């Protein structure tokens, strides 16, 4: 069962990795504290959402499934669209840093973890240690988001302002992928 939980953790963390990679590339020289902050935000959201979905359980699974993809798409479109708008406006790095506060980070972390709530609701149907699974999901997500920021930092000098455009496109792409998977099956 630990192998299944680990595979689930890595698959759920990939959206967070992509968002953290873009964030690391956009920010001016993010260091260890920023990587910790991003990792913690994504890890906590990815840990909490499956627990929330699991708590809602079988009774409300169809209700959550009916709208989760639209919520995730809307949030990711808003954040990604703002990144693209800022790229097109040619804003400087200091402005990018101010836009990268807690609200933008939290919005992205929640948006990339909404699908984990639906997974948690589905896990209510099977015999699984949900607390351990959720903690594993959170720990893996923390690690990949932390690494994503640092990798993005290394690539950021080469990518410059283009990283913001690519990051916005990636977030919108993640949102579209979620929407397509849920609406077209």
N, C-alpha and C. Protein backbone atom coordinates (compact mmCIF):
# COMPACT_ATOMS: atom_id res chain seq x y z
N UNK A 1 0.82 -1.20 0.00
CA UNK A 1 0.00 0.00 0.00
C UNK A 1 0.87 1.26 0.00
N UNK A 2 2.07 1.20 0.58
CA UNK A 2 2.94 2.38 0.61
C UNK A 2 3.39 2.76 -0.80
N UNK A 3 3.59 1.74 -1.65
CA UNK A 3 3.97 2.02 -3.04
C UNK A 3 2.88 2.76 -3.78
N UNK A 4 1.66 2.37 -3.57
CA UNK A 4 0.52 3.04 -4.20
C UNK A 4 0.40 4.48 -3.69
N UNK A 5 0.55 4.65 -2.38
CA UNK A 5 0.47 5.99 -1.80
C UNK A 5 1.60 6.88 -2.31
N UNK A 6 2.79 6.32 -2.48
CA UNK A 6 3.93 7.08 -2.99
C UNK A 6 3.71 7.49 -4.44
N UNK A 7 3.20 6.56 -5.25
CA UNK A 7 2.91 6.89 -6.65
C UNK A 7 1.84 7.97 -6.73
N UNK A 8 0.83 7.87 -5.89
CA UNK A 8 -0.21 8.88 -5.82
C UNK A 8 0.38 10.23 -5.42
N UNK A 9 1.28 10.22 -4.44
CA UNK A 9 1.91 11.45 -3.97
C UNK A 9 2.69 12.13 -5.09
N UNK A 10 3.48 11.36 -5.84
CA UNK A 10 4.26 11.96 -6.93
C UNK A 10 3.36 12.48 -8.04
N UNK A 11 2.31 11.75 -8.38
CA UNK A 11 1.45 12.23 -9.45
C UNK A 11 0.71 13.50 -9.05
N UNK A 12 0.26 13.58 -7.80
CA UNK A 12 -0.43 14.78 -7.35
C UNK A 12 0.52 15.98 -7.21
N UNK A 13 1.81 15.73 -7.03
CA UNK A 13 2.76 16.82 -6.81
C UNK A 13 3.28 17.45 -8.10
N UNK A 14 3.01 16.87 -9.25
CA UNK A 14 3.58 17.38 -10.50
C UNK A 14 3.09 18.77 -10.86
N UNK A 15 1.83 19.07 -10.60
CA UNK A 15 1.33 20.43 -10.86
C UNK A 15 2.07 21.44 -9.98
N UNK A 16 2.29 21.06 -8.74
CA UNK A 16 3.00 21.93 -7.81
C UNK A 16 4.44 22.15 -8.26
N UNK A 17 5.07 21.10 -8.77
CA UNK A 17 6.44 21.22 -9.27
C UNK A 17 6.51 22.22 -10.41
N UNK A 18 5.59 22.10 -11.37
CA UNK A 18 5.59 23.02 -12.52
C UNK A 18 5.38 24.46 -12.07
N UNK A 19 4.45 24.67 -11.14
CA UNK A 19 4.20 26.03 -10.65
C UNK A 19 5.40 26.57 -9.87
N UNK A 20 6.04 25.73 -9.07
CA UNK A 20 7.21 26.15 -8.29
C UNK A 20 8.39 26.44 -9.21
N UNK A 21 8.53 25.67 -10.27
CA UNK A 21 9.60 25.90 -11.24
C UNK A 21 9.44 27.27 -11.87
N UNK A 22 8.22 27.59 -12.29
CA UNK A 22 7.95 28.91 -12.86
C UNK A 22 8.17 30.03 -11.86
N UNK A 23 7.77 29.80 -10.64
CA UNK A 23 7.94 30.81 -9.58
C UNK A 23 9.43 31.06 -9.31
N UNK A 24 10.20 29.99 -9.26
CA UNK A 24 11.64 30.14 -9.02
C UNK A 24 12.34 30.87 -10.14
N UNK A 25 11.85 30.70 -11.37
CA UNK A 25 12.45 31.37 -12.52
C UNK A 25 12.07 32.84 -12.58
N UNK A 26 10.87 33.18 -12.11
CA UNK A 26 10.39 34.56 -12.20
C UNK A 26 10.99 35.44 -11.10
N UNK A 27 11.11 34.93 -9.90
CA UNK A 27 11.60 35.74 -8.78
C UNK A 27 13.08 36.05 -8.95
N UNK A 28 13.47 37.21 -8.46
CA UNK A 28 14.88 37.58 -8.51
C UNK A 28 15.65 36.79 -7.46
N UNK A 29 16.41 35.83 -7.90
CA UNK A 29 17.33 35.06 -7.05
C UNK A 29 16.68 34.51 -5.78
N UNK A 30 15.63 33.70 -5.92
CA UNK A 30 15.03 33.12 -4.71
C UNK A 30 16.02 32.17 -4.05
N UNK A 31 16.07 32.22 -2.76
CA UNK A 31 17.01 31.37 -2.02
C UNK A 31 16.29 30.31 -1.22
N UNK A 32 17.02 29.77 -0.26
CA UNK A 32 16.52 28.70 0.59
C UNK A 32 15.23 29.09 1.31
N UNK A 33 15.14 30.30 1.91
CA UNK A 33 13.88 30.66 2.60
C UNK A 33 12.67 30.69 1.66
N UNK A 34 12.84 31.20 0.45
CA UNK A 34 11.72 31.23 -0.50
C UNK A 34 11.35 29.82 -0.94
N UNK A 35 12.35 28.97 -1.16
CA UNK A 35 12.07 27.58 -1.53
C UNK A 35 11.33 26.87 -0.39
N UNK A 36 11.69 27.17 0.85
CA UNK A 36 11.00 26.59 2.01
C UNK A 36 9.55 27.08 2.07
N UNK A 37 9.36 28.37 1.83
CA UNK A 37 8.02 28.97 1.88
C UNK A 37 7.13 28.37 0.80
N UNK A 38 7.63 28.25 -0.40
CA UNK A 38 6.86 27.68 -1.51
C UNK A 38 6.59 26.20 -1.23
N UNK A 39 7.62 25.47 -0.80
CA UNK A 39 7.44 24.06 -0.49
C UNK A 39 6.41 23.85 0.61
N UNK A 40 6.46 24.69 1.63
CA UNK A 40 5.50 24.57 2.74
C UNK A 40 4.08 24.87 2.27
N UNK A 41 3.90 25.92 1.48
CA UNK A 41 2.56 26.27 1.01
C UNK A 41 1.96 25.15 0.16
N UNK A 42 2.73 24.66 -0.79
CA UNK A 42 2.23 23.58 -1.65
C UNK A 42 2.06 22.29 -0.85
N UNK A 43 3.01 21.97 0.01
CA UNK A 43 2.93 20.75 0.80
C UNK A 43 1.75 20.73 1.74
N UNK A 44 1.50 21.83 2.42
CA UNK A 44 0.37 21.91 3.35
C UNK A 44 -0.96 21.78 2.60
N UNK A 45 -1.09 22.48 1.47
CA UNK A 45 -2.33 22.38 0.70
C UNK A 45 -2.53 20.97 0.15
N UNK A 46 -1.45 20.37 -0.36
CA UNK A 46 -1.58 19.01 -0.90
C UNK A 46 -1.84 17.99 0.20
N UNK A 47 -1.45 18.25 1.42
CA UNK A 47 -1.73 17.36 2.54
C UNK A 47 -3.17 17.55 3.02
N UNK A 48 -3.62 18.80 3.08
CA UNK A 48 -4.94 19.10 3.63
C UNK A 48 -6.08 18.72 2.68
N UNK A 49 -5.89 18.92 1.39
CA UNK A 49 -6.99 18.70 0.45
C UNK A 49 -7.47 17.24 0.38
N UNK A 50 -6.58 16.25 0.35
CA UNK A 50 -7.11 14.89 0.34
C UNK A 50 -7.84 14.55 1.65
N UNK A 51 -7.36 15.12 2.76
CA UNK A 51 -8.06 14.91 4.03
C UNK A 51 -9.44 15.54 4.00
N UNK A 52 -9.52 16.73 3.42
CA UNK A 52 -10.82 17.39 3.28
C UNK A 52 -11.75 16.57 2.40
N UNK A 53 -11.25 16.12 1.26
CA UNK A 53 -12.05 15.30 0.36
C UNK A 53 -12.47 13.99 1.02
N UNK A 54 -11.57 13.40 1.76
CA UNK A 54 -11.86 12.15 2.45
C UNK A 54 -12.95 12.36 3.50
N UNK A 55 -12.86 13.49 4.22
CA UNK A 55 -13.86 13.80 5.25
C UNK A 55 -15.24 14.00 4.64
N UNK A 56 -15.28 14.64 3.48
CA UNK A 56 -16.56 14.82 2.79
C UNK A 56 -17.10 13.45 2.40
N UNK A 57 -16.18 12.59 1.95
CA UNK A 57 -16.50 11.19 1.71
C UNK A 57 -17.48 10.91 0.60
N UNK A 58 -18.02 9.74 0.70
CA UNK A 58 -18.89 9.18 -0.32
C UNK A 58 -20.17 9.99 -0.53
N UNK A 59 -20.72 10.54 0.51
CA UNK A 59 -22.01 11.23 0.42
C UNK A 59 -21.96 12.44 -0.51
N UNK A 60 -20.82 13.13 -0.51
CA UNK A 60 -20.73 14.34 -1.31
C UNK A 60 -19.71 14.24 -2.45
N UNK A 61 -19.20 13.05 -2.73
CA UNK A 61 -18.17 12.89 -3.76
C UNK A 61 -18.65 13.39 -5.12
N UNK A 62 -19.87 13.10 -5.48
CA UNK A 62 -20.36 13.52 -6.80
C UNK A 62 -20.50 15.04 -6.87
N UNK A 63 -20.85 15.68 -5.77
CA UNK A 63 -20.95 17.14 -5.75
C UNK A 63 -19.58 17.78 -5.93
N UNK A 64 -18.57 17.28 -5.21
CA UNK A 64 -17.21 17.81 -5.33
C UNK A 64 -16.68 17.57 -6.73
N UNK A 65 -16.89 16.37 -7.25
CA UNK A 65 -16.40 16.04 -8.58
C UNK A 65 -17.05 16.90 -9.66
N UNK A 66 -18.28 17.31 -9.42
CA UNK A 66 -19.00 18.08 -10.42
C UNK A 66 -18.42 19.47 -10.64
N UNK A 67 -17.74 20.04 -9.66
CA UNK A 67 -17.26 21.42 -9.80
C UNK A 67 -15.76 21.59 -9.57
N UNK A 68 -15.06 20.60 -9.08
CA UNK A 68 -13.65 20.81 -8.73
C UNK A 68 -12.81 21.26 -9.91
N UNK A 69 -13.06 20.72 -11.07
CA UNK A 69 -12.28 21.08 -12.25
C UNK A 69 -12.53 22.52 -12.69
N UNK A 70 -13.74 23.01 -12.51
CA UNK A 70 -14.04 24.40 -12.87
C UNK A 70 -13.37 25.38 -11.89
N UNK A 71 -13.36 25.02 -10.62
CA UNK A 71 -12.70 25.86 -9.63
C UNK A 71 -11.20 25.93 -9.90
N UNK A 72 -10.59 24.76 -10.09
CA UNK A 72 -9.15 24.71 -10.37
C UNK A 72 -8.82 25.48 -11.65
N UNK A 73 -9.60 25.27 -12.70
CA UNK A 73 -9.37 25.97 -13.96
C UNK A 73 -9.46 27.48 -13.78
N UNK A 74 -10.49 27.94 -13.09
CA UNK A 74 -10.67 29.38 -12.88
C UNK A 74 -9.52 30.01 -12.12
N UNK A 75 -9.08 29.35 -11.05
CA UNK A 75 -7.97 29.89 -10.26
C UNK A 75 -6.67 29.90 -11.06
N UNK A 76 -6.39 28.80 -11.75
CA UNK A 76 -5.15 28.73 -12.53
C UNK A 76 -5.18 29.69 -13.72
N UNK A 77 -6.34 29.87 -14.33
CA UNK A 77 -6.47 30.84 -15.42
C UNK A 77 -6.21 32.25 -14.91
N UNK A 78 -6.75 32.57 -13.73
CA UNK A 78 -6.55 33.91 -13.18
C UNK A 78 -5.09 34.19 -12.87
N UNK A 79 -4.43 33.25 -12.20
CA UNK A 79 -3.02 33.45 -11.85
C UNK A 79 -2.15 33.44 -13.10
N UNK A 80 -2.35 32.44 -13.97
CA UNK A 80 -1.57 32.36 -15.21
C UNK A 80 -1.81 33.56 -16.12
N UNK A 81 -3.06 33.98 -16.22
CA UNK A 81 -3.38 35.15 -17.04
C UNK A 81 -2.72 36.41 -16.52
N UNK A 82 -2.67 36.56 -15.20
CA UNK A 82 -1.99 37.72 -14.61
C UNK A 82 -0.49 37.69 -14.92
N UNK A 83 0.10 36.50 -14.89
CA UNK A 83 1.53 36.38 -15.21
C UNK A 83 1.79 36.78 -16.67
N UNK A 84 0.93 36.33 -17.57
CA UNK A 84 1.09 36.66 -18.99
C UNK A 84 0.86 38.15 -19.21
N UNK A 85 -0.16 38.71 -18.55
CA UNK A 85 -0.43 40.15 -18.67
C UNK A 85 0.79 40.96 -18.20
N UNK A 86 1.39 40.54 -17.09
CA UNK A 86 2.55 41.25 -16.56
C UNK A 86 3.75 41.12 -17.48
N UNK A 87 3.91 39.97 -18.12
CA UNK A 87 4.98 39.81 -19.11
C UNK A 87 4.77 40.77 -20.27
N UNK A 88 3.55 40.80 -20.78
CA UNK A 88 3.24 41.67 -21.92
C UNK A 88 3.38 43.14 -21.58
N UNK A 89 3.13 43.49 -20.31
CA UNK A 89 3.26 44.89 -19.87
C UNK A 89 4.72 45.27 -19.66
N UNK A 90 5.61 44.27 -19.63
CA UNK A 90 7.04 44.54 -19.49
C UNK A 90 7.44 45.05 -18.13
N UNK A 91 6.77 44.56 -17.07
CA UNK A 91 7.09 45.02 -15.72
C UNK A 91 8.46 44.53 -15.29
N UNK A 92 9.07 45.29 -14.39
CA UNK A 92 10.40 44.98 -13.91
C UNK A 92 10.37 43.94 -12.80
N UNK A 93 11.53 43.40 -12.47
CA UNK A 93 11.66 42.34 -11.48
C UNK A 93 11.12 42.73 -10.10
N UNK A 94 11.32 44.00 -9.68
CA UNK A 94 10.83 44.39 -8.36
C UNK A 94 9.32 44.23 -8.27
N UNK A 95 8.63 44.56 -9.38
CA UNK A 95 7.18 44.40 -9.39
C UNK A 95 6.81 42.93 -9.37
N UNK A 96 7.57 42.09 -10.06
CA UNK A 96 7.30 40.66 -10.03
C UNK A 96 7.44 40.12 -8.61
N UNK A 97 8.44 40.61 -7.88
CA UNK A 97 8.62 40.16 -6.51
C UNK A 97 7.43 40.56 -5.64
N UNK A 98 6.90 41.76 -5.82
CA UNK A 98 5.78 42.19 -4.99
C UNK A 98 4.51 41.41 -5.31
N UNK A 99 4.35 40.97 -6.56
CA UNK A 99 3.19 40.18 -6.94
C UNK A 99 3.28 38.76 -6.39
N UNK A 100 4.43 38.37 -5.95
CA UNK A 100 4.66 36.99 -5.54
C UNK A 100 4.49 36.81 -4.06
N UNK A 101 3.61 37.57 -3.46
CA UNK A 101 3.36 37.48 -2.04
C UNK A 101 2.55 36.24 -1.68
N UNK A 102 2.14 36.25 -0.43
CA UNK A 102 1.42 35.09 0.10
C UNK A 102 0.12 34.82 -0.63
N UNK A 103 -0.61 35.85 -1.04
CA UNK A 103 -1.90 35.61 -1.69
C UNK A 103 -1.72 34.90 -3.02
N UNK A 104 -0.77 35.34 -3.83
CA UNK A 104 -0.52 34.67 -5.11
C UNK A 104 -0.04 33.24 -4.88
N UNK A 105 0.83 33.07 -3.90
CA UNK A 105 1.33 31.73 -3.58
C UNK A 105 0.21 30.82 -3.10
N UNK A 106 -0.61 31.33 -2.18
CA UNK A 106 -1.71 30.53 -1.65
C UNK A 106 -2.73 30.18 -2.73
N UNK A 107 -3.05 31.14 -3.59
CA UNK A 107 -4.00 30.89 -4.67
C UNK A 107 -3.49 29.77 -5.58
N UNK A 108 -2.22 29.83 -5.93
CA UNK A 108 -1.64 28.80 -6.79
C UNK A 108 -1.59 27.46 -6.07
N UNK A 109 -1.21 27.47 -4.80
CA UNK A 109 -1.13 26.22 -4.04
C UNK A 109 -2.50 25.55 -3.91
N UNK A 110 -3.53 26.35 -3.65
CA UNK A 110 -4.89 25.79 -3.54
C UNK A 110 -5.35 25.29 -4.91
N UNK A 111 -5.13 26.07 -5.95
CA UNK A 111 -5.59 25.69 -7.29
C UNK A 111 -4.95 24.39 -7.76
N UNK A 112 -3.66 24.21 -7.47
CA UNK A 112 -2.99 23.00 -7.92
C UNK A 112 -3.29 21.80 -7.05
N UNK A 113 -4.00 22.00 -5.93
CA UNK A 113 -4.30 20.87 -5.05
C UNK A 113 -5.78 20.51 -4.97
N UNK A 114 -6.61 21.19 -5.73
CA UNK A 114 -8.04 20.90 -5.68
C UNK A 114 -8.33 19.47 -6.15
N UNK A 115 -7.58 19.00 -7.15
CA UNK A 115 -7.81 17.63 -7.60
C UNK A 115 -7.50 16.61 -6.50
N UNK A 116 -6.65 16.98 -5.55
CA UNK A 116 -6.35 16.09 -4.44
C UNK A 116 -7.57 15.88 -3.53
N UNK A 117 -8.46 16.87 -3.48
CA UNK A 117 -9.69 16.72 -2.69
C UNK A 117 -10.58 15.64 -3.31
N UNK A 118 -10.66 15.65 -4.63
CA UNK A 118 -11.45 14.63 -5.32
C UNK A 118 -10.82 13.25 -5.13
N UNK A 119 -9.49 13.20 -5.15
CA UNK A 119 -8.80 11.93 -4.90
C UNK A 119 -9.12 11.46 -3.48
N UNK A 120 -9.09 12.37 -2.53
CA UNK A 120 -9.42 12.02 -1.15
C UNK A 120 -10.83 11.48 -1.01
N UNK A 121 -11.78 12.09 -1.74
CA UNK A 121 -13.16 11.60 -1.70
C UNK A 121 -13.22 10.17 -2.25
N UNK A 122 -12.46 9.92 -3.30
CA UNK A 122 -12.41 8.57 -3.86
C UNK A 122 -11.77 7.57 -2.92
N UNK A 123 -10.78 8.03 -2.15
CA UNK A 123 -10.10 7.14 -1.21
C UNK A 123 -10.99 6.76 -0.03
N UNK A 124 -12.09 7.49 0.16
CA UNK A 124 -13.02 7.13 1.23
C UNK A 124 -13.68 5.78 0.94
N UNK A 125 -13.60 5.34 -0.32
CA UNK A 125 -14.21 4.07 -0.73
C UNK A 125 -13.31 2.86 -0.45
N UNK A 126 -12.04 3.10 -0.17
CA UNK A 126 -11.11 1.98 0.03
C UNK A 126 -10.54 1.99 1.45
N UNK A 127 -10.01 0.86 1.84
CA UNK A 127 -9.40 0.74 3.16
C UNK A 127 -7.97 1.25 3.08
N UNK A 128 -7.74 2.46 3.56
CA UNK A 128 -6.41 3.09 3.48
C UNK A 128 -6.20 3.94 4.72
N UNK A 129 -4.96 4.02 5.15
CA UNK A 129 -4.62 4.92 6.25
C UNK A 129 -4.51 6.32 5.66
N UNK A 130 -5.59 7.06 5.72
CA UNK A 130 -5.67 8.35 5.04
C UNK A 130 -4.71 9.38 5.63
N UNK A 131 -4.50 9.37 6.93
CA UNK A 131 -3.60 10.35 7.54
C UNK A 131 -2.17 10.13 7.03
N UNK A 132 -1.73 8.89 7.01
CA UNK A 132 -0.38 8.58 6.51
C UNK A 132 -0.27 8.94 5.04
N UNK A 133 -1.27 8.59 4.26
CA UNK A 133 -1.25 8.90 2.83
C UNK A 133 -1.21 10.40 2.60
N UNK A 134 -2.02 11.16 3.32
CA UNK A 134 -2.03 12.61 3.16
C UNK A 134 -0.70 13.22 3.58
N UNK A 135 -0.11 12.72 4.64
CA UNK A 135 1.20 13.24 5.08
C UNK A 135 2.28 12.92 4.04
N UNK A 136 2.20 11.75 3.43
CA UNK A 136 3.15 11.39 2.38
C UNK A 136 2.98 12.30 1.17
N UNK A 137 1.74 12.56 0.80
CA UNK A 137 1.47 13.48 -0.32
C UNK A 137 2.03 14.87 0.00
N UNK A 138 1.81 15.35 1.21
CA UNK A 138 2.34 16.66 1.60
C UNK A 138 3.86 16.70 1.60
N UNK A 139 4.49 15.65 2.11
CA UNK A 139 5.96 15.61 2.18
C UNK A 139 6.58 15.56 0.78
N UNK A 140 6.03 14.73 -0.09
CA UNK A 140 6.56 14.64 -1.46
C UNK A 140 6.35 15.97 -2.18
N UNK A 141 5.18 16.57 -2.01
CA UNK A 141 4.92 17.85 -2.66
C UNK A 141 5.85 18.93 -2.14
N UNK A 142 6.09 18.95 -0.83
CA UNK A 142 7.04 19.91 -0.27
C UNK A 142 8.40 19.75 -0.97
N UNK A 143 8.87 18.52 -1.06
CA UNK A 143 10.20 18.27 -1.64
C UNK A 143 10.28 18.68 -3.10
N UNK A 144 9.27 18.33 -3.91
CA UNK A 144 9.36 18.67 -5.32
C UNK A 144 9.15 20.16 -5.56
N UNK A 145 8.31 20.81 -4.75
CA UNK A 145 8.13 22.26 -4.90
C UNK A 145 9.39 23.01 -4.47
N UNK A 146 10.00 22.56 -3.37
CA UNK A 146 11.26 23.14 -2.91
C UNK A 146 12.31 23.04 -4.01
N UNK A 147 12.44 21.84 -4.57
CA UNK A 147 13.40 21.63 -5.66
C UNK A 147 13.03 22.43 -6.90
N UNK A 148 11.73 22.55 -7.19
CA UNK A 148 11.30 23.31 -8.36
C UNK A 148 11.71 24.77 -8.30
N UNK A 149 11.61 25.37 -7.12
CA UNK A 149 12.02 26.77 -6.96
C UNK A 149 13.52 26.91 -7.24
N UNK A 150 14.32 26.00 -6.69
CA UNK A 150 15.77 26.08 -6.87
C UNK A 150 16.18 25.80 -8.31
N UNK A 151 15.51 24.85 -8.95
CA UNK A 151 15.80 24.59 -10.37
C UNK A 151 15.38 25.79 -11.20
N UNK A 152 14.21 26.35 -10.90
CA UNK A 152 13.75 27.54 -11.60
C UNK A 152 14.71 28.71 -11.41
N UNK A 153 15.27 28.81 -10.21
CA UNK A 153 16.26 29.87 -9.95
C UNK A 153 17.46 29.72 -10.87
N UNK A 154 17.94 28.49 -11.02
CA UNK A 154 19.11 28.25 -11.87
C UNK A 154 18.80 28.57 -13.32
N UNK A 155 17.59 28.29 -13.76
CA UNK A 155 17.21 28.55 -15.14
C UNK A 155 16.75 29.99 -15.35
N UNK A 156 16.42 30.68 -14.25
CA UNK A 156 15.86 32.03 -14.34
C UNK A 156 16.77 33.03 -15.02
N UNK A 157 18.08 32.96 -14.76
CA UNK A 157 19.00 33.90 -15.39
C UNK A 157 18.99 33.74 -16.91
N UNK A 158 18.85 32.52 -17.37
CA UNK A 158 18.82 32.27 -18.81
C UNK A 158 17.46 32.64 -19.42
N UNK A 159 16.43 32.46 -18.62
CA UNK A 159 15.08 32.69 -19.14
C UNK A 159 14.64 34.14 -18.98
N UNK A 160 15.15 34.80 -17.95
CA UNK A 160 14.78 36.19 -17.71
C UNK A 160 13.27 36.36 -17.58
N UNK A 161 12.76 37.45 -18.17
CA UNK A 161 11.33 37.75 -18.10
C UNK A 161 10.49 36.70 -18.81
N UNK A 162 11.08 35.95 -19.72
CA UNK A 162 10.32 34.93 -20.46
C UNK A 162 9.78 33.86 -19.51
N UNK A 163 10.43 33.68 -18.38
CA UNK A 163 9.97 32.67 -17.42
C UNK A 163 8.56 32.99 -16.93
N UNK A 164 8.24 34.27 -16.80
CA UNK A 164 6.90 34.65 -16.35
C UNK A 164 5.86 34.26 -17.40
N UNK A 165 6.19 34.48 -18.67
CA UNK A 165 5.29 34.07 -19.74
C UNK A 165 5.10 32.56 -19.73
N UNK A 166 6.21 31.83 -19.68
CA UNK A 166 6.13 30.36 -19.69
C UNK A 166 5.41 29.84 -18.45
N UNK A 167 5.67 30.45 -17.30
CA UNK A 167 4.98 30.06 -16.08
C UNK A 167 3.49 30.26 -16.18
N UNK A 168 3.07 31.39 -16.74
CA UNK A 168 1.64 31.65 -16.94
C UNK A 168 1.02 30.66 -17.91
N UNK A 169 1.73 30.37 -18.98
CA UNK A 169 1.23 29.39 -19.95
C UNK A 169 1.12 28.01 -19.31
N UNK A 170 2.11 27.64 -18.50
CA UNK A 170 2.08 26.34 -17.82
C UNK A 170 0.88 26.26 -16.88
N UNK A 171 0.65 27.30 -16.08
CA UNK A 171 -0.49 27.28 -15.16
C UNK A 171 -1.82 27.16 -15.90
N UNK A 172 -1.95 27.92 -16.98
CA UNK A 172 -3.19 27.83 -17.77
C UNK A 172 -3.29 26.43 -18.40
N UNK A 173 -2.17 25.90 -18.86
CA UNK A 173 -2.17 24.54 -19.42
C UNK A 173 -2.58 23.50 -18.40
N UNK A 174 -2.09 23.65 -17.17
CA UNK A 174 -2.49 22.73 -16.10
C UNK A 174 -4.00 22.83 -15.88
N UNK A 175 -4.51 24.05 -15.84
CA UNK A 175 -5.94 24.25 -15.66
C UNK A 175 -6.75 23.64 -16.79
N UNK A 176 -6.30 23.84 -18.03
CA UNK A 176 -6.98 23.25 -19.18
C UNK A 176 -6.94 21.73 -19.11
N UNK A 177 -5.80 21.18 -18.72
CA UNK A 177 -5.66 19.73 -18.61
C UNK A 177 -6.65 19.18 -17.59
N UNK A 178 -6.75 19.83 -16.44
CA UNK A 178 -7.70 19.41 -15.42
C UNK A 178 -9.12 19.48 -15.97
N UNK A 179 -9.44 20.57 -16.63
CA UNK A 179 -10.78 20.75 -17.20
C UNK A 179 -11.10 19.68 -18.24
N UNK A 180 -10.17 19.44 -19.15
CA UNK A 180 -10.37 18.45 -20.20
C UNK A 180 -10.51 17.05 -19.62
N UNK A 181 -9.63 16.69 -18.69
CA UNK A 181 -9.71 15.36 -18.08
C UNK A 181 -11.05 15.12 -17.40
N UNK A 182 -11.58 16.13 -16.76
CA UNK A 182 -12.82 15.96 -16.01
C UNK A 182 -14.07 16.08 -16.89
N UNK A 183 -13.99 16.84 -17.97
CA UNK A 183 -15.19 17.02 -18.79
C UNK A 183 -15.27 16.02 -19.94
N UNK A 184 -14.12 15.64 -20.49
CA UNK A 184 -14.12 14.71 -21.62
C UNK A 184 -13.80 13.28 -21.22
N UNK A 185 -13.41 13.11 -19.97
CA UNK A 185 -13.16 11.75 -19.47
C UNK A 185 -11.80 11.33 -19.76
